[in-house]
Amino acid sequence: MTAPFLSLAQIRNRLILTARWVLRDHRPGPDGRCPICRTADCPVATAARDVLRTAEEVQQRSTATEPTTPDPDDPQQTG
């Protein structure tokens, strides 16, 4: 399927799977350097770790908040 037909959860899951795949490919070798980038501090692996961290934070935040009943005095919550 293409992106317009995916739910937000499916997009999030694909980002997580891609980030994990990148981290496997950019795993540091015995000398501590990335075998693909040939650097000790691989920017691609750093970006993949950031994606995973952000996805985890969003998941924790969405499960930590409980739905509230609408406040009749709040003009922002009109139905």
Protein backbone atom coordinates (compact mmCIF):
# COMPACT_ATOMS: atom_id res chain seq x y z
CA MET A 1 0.00 0.00 0.00
CA THR A 2 1.04 3.56 -0.49
CA ALA A 3 1.28 6.17 2.21
CA PRO A 4 -2.09 7.93 1.70
CA PHE A 5 -3.86 4.69 2.57
CA LEU A 6 -1.87 3.94 5.73
CA SER A 7 -3.00 4.83 9.23
CA LEU A 8 -0.74 6.84 11.50
CA ALA A 9 0.02 3.69 13.50
CA GLN A 10 1.12 1.88 10.33
CA ILE A 11 3.37 4.77 9.33
CA ARG A 12 4.87 4.82 12.84
CA ASN A 13 5.49 1.07 12.70
CA ARG A 14 7.20 1.35 9.31
CA LEU A 15 9.45 4.11 10.62
CA ILE A 16 10.41 1.94 13.59
CA LEU A 17 11.14 -1.07 11.38
CA THR A 18 13.26 1.05 9.04
CA ALA A 19 15.19 2.58 11.94
CA ARG A 20 15.93 -0.87 13.35
CA TRP A 21 17.07 -2.08 9.93
CA VAL A 22 19.40 0.93 9.63
CA LEU A 23 20.85 0.27 13.09
CA ARG A 24 21.60 -3.34 12.14
CA ASP A 25 23.42 -2.21 9.01
CA HIS A 26 25.32 0.57 10.78
CA ARG A 27 26.33 -1.46 13.84
CA PRO A 28 29.89 -0.54 14.91
CA GLY A 29 32.58 -3.08 14.12
CA PRO A 30 35.29 -4.35 16.47
CA ASP A 31 37.26 -1.13 15.97
CA GLY A 32 34.23 0.98 17.06
CA ARG A 33 33.61 2.42 13.60
CA CYS A 34 30.59 2.02 11.36
CA PRO A 35 31.48 -0.34 8.50
CA ILE A 36 29.42 1.69 6.03
CA CYS A 37 30.20 5.28 7.05
CA ARG A 38 33.71 4.49 8.32
CA THR A 39 33.27 6.85 11.24
CA ALA A 40 33.17 6.32 14.98
CA ASP A 41 30.10 8.54 15.37
CA CYS A 42 27.81 7.41 12.54
CA PRO A 43 25.26 10.16 11.77
CA VAL A 44 22.89 7.66 10.13
CA ALA A 45 22.79 5.48 13.26
CA THR A 46 22.30 8.59 15.39
CA ALA A 47 19.31 9.61 13.29
CA ALA A 48 17.84 6.10 13.53
CA ARG A 49 18.21 6.15 17.32
CA ASP A 50 16.47 9.54 17.39
CA VAL A 51 13.56 8.13 15.37
CA LEU A 52 13.21 5.20 17.78
CA ARG A 53 13.42 7.46 20.83
CA THR A 54 10.79 9.84 19.44
CA ALA A 55 8.44 7.00 18.48
CA GLU A 56 8.75 5.57 21.99
CA GLU A 57 8.07 8.96 23.59
CA VAL A 58 4.99 9.50 21.45
CA GLN A 59 3.69 6.03 22.30
CA GLN A 60 4.23 6.60 26.03
CA ARG A 61 2.60 9.99 25.86
CA SER A 62 -0.46 8.70 24.01
CA THR A 63 -0.99 5.80 26.42
CA ALA A 64 -0.34 7.93 29.50
CA THR A 65 -3.06 10.45 28.81
CA GLU A 66 -6.59 9.41 29.50
CA PRO A 67 -9.50 10.88 27.58
CA THR A 68 -11.26 13.65 29.43
CA THR A 69 -14.85 14.68 29.26
CA PRO A 70 -15.38 17.91 27.33
CA ASP A 71 -15.60 21.01 29.46
CA PRO A 72 -18.81 22.89 28.57
CA ASP A 73 -17.12 26.18 29.51
CA ASP A 74 -14.17 25.63 27.13
CA PRO A 75 -14.92 27.31 23.76
CA GLN A 76 -12.13 25.32 22.03
CA GLN A 77 -13.99 22.01 22.44
CA THR A 78 -17.10 22.54 20.37
CA GLY A 79 -18.79 19.57 18.75
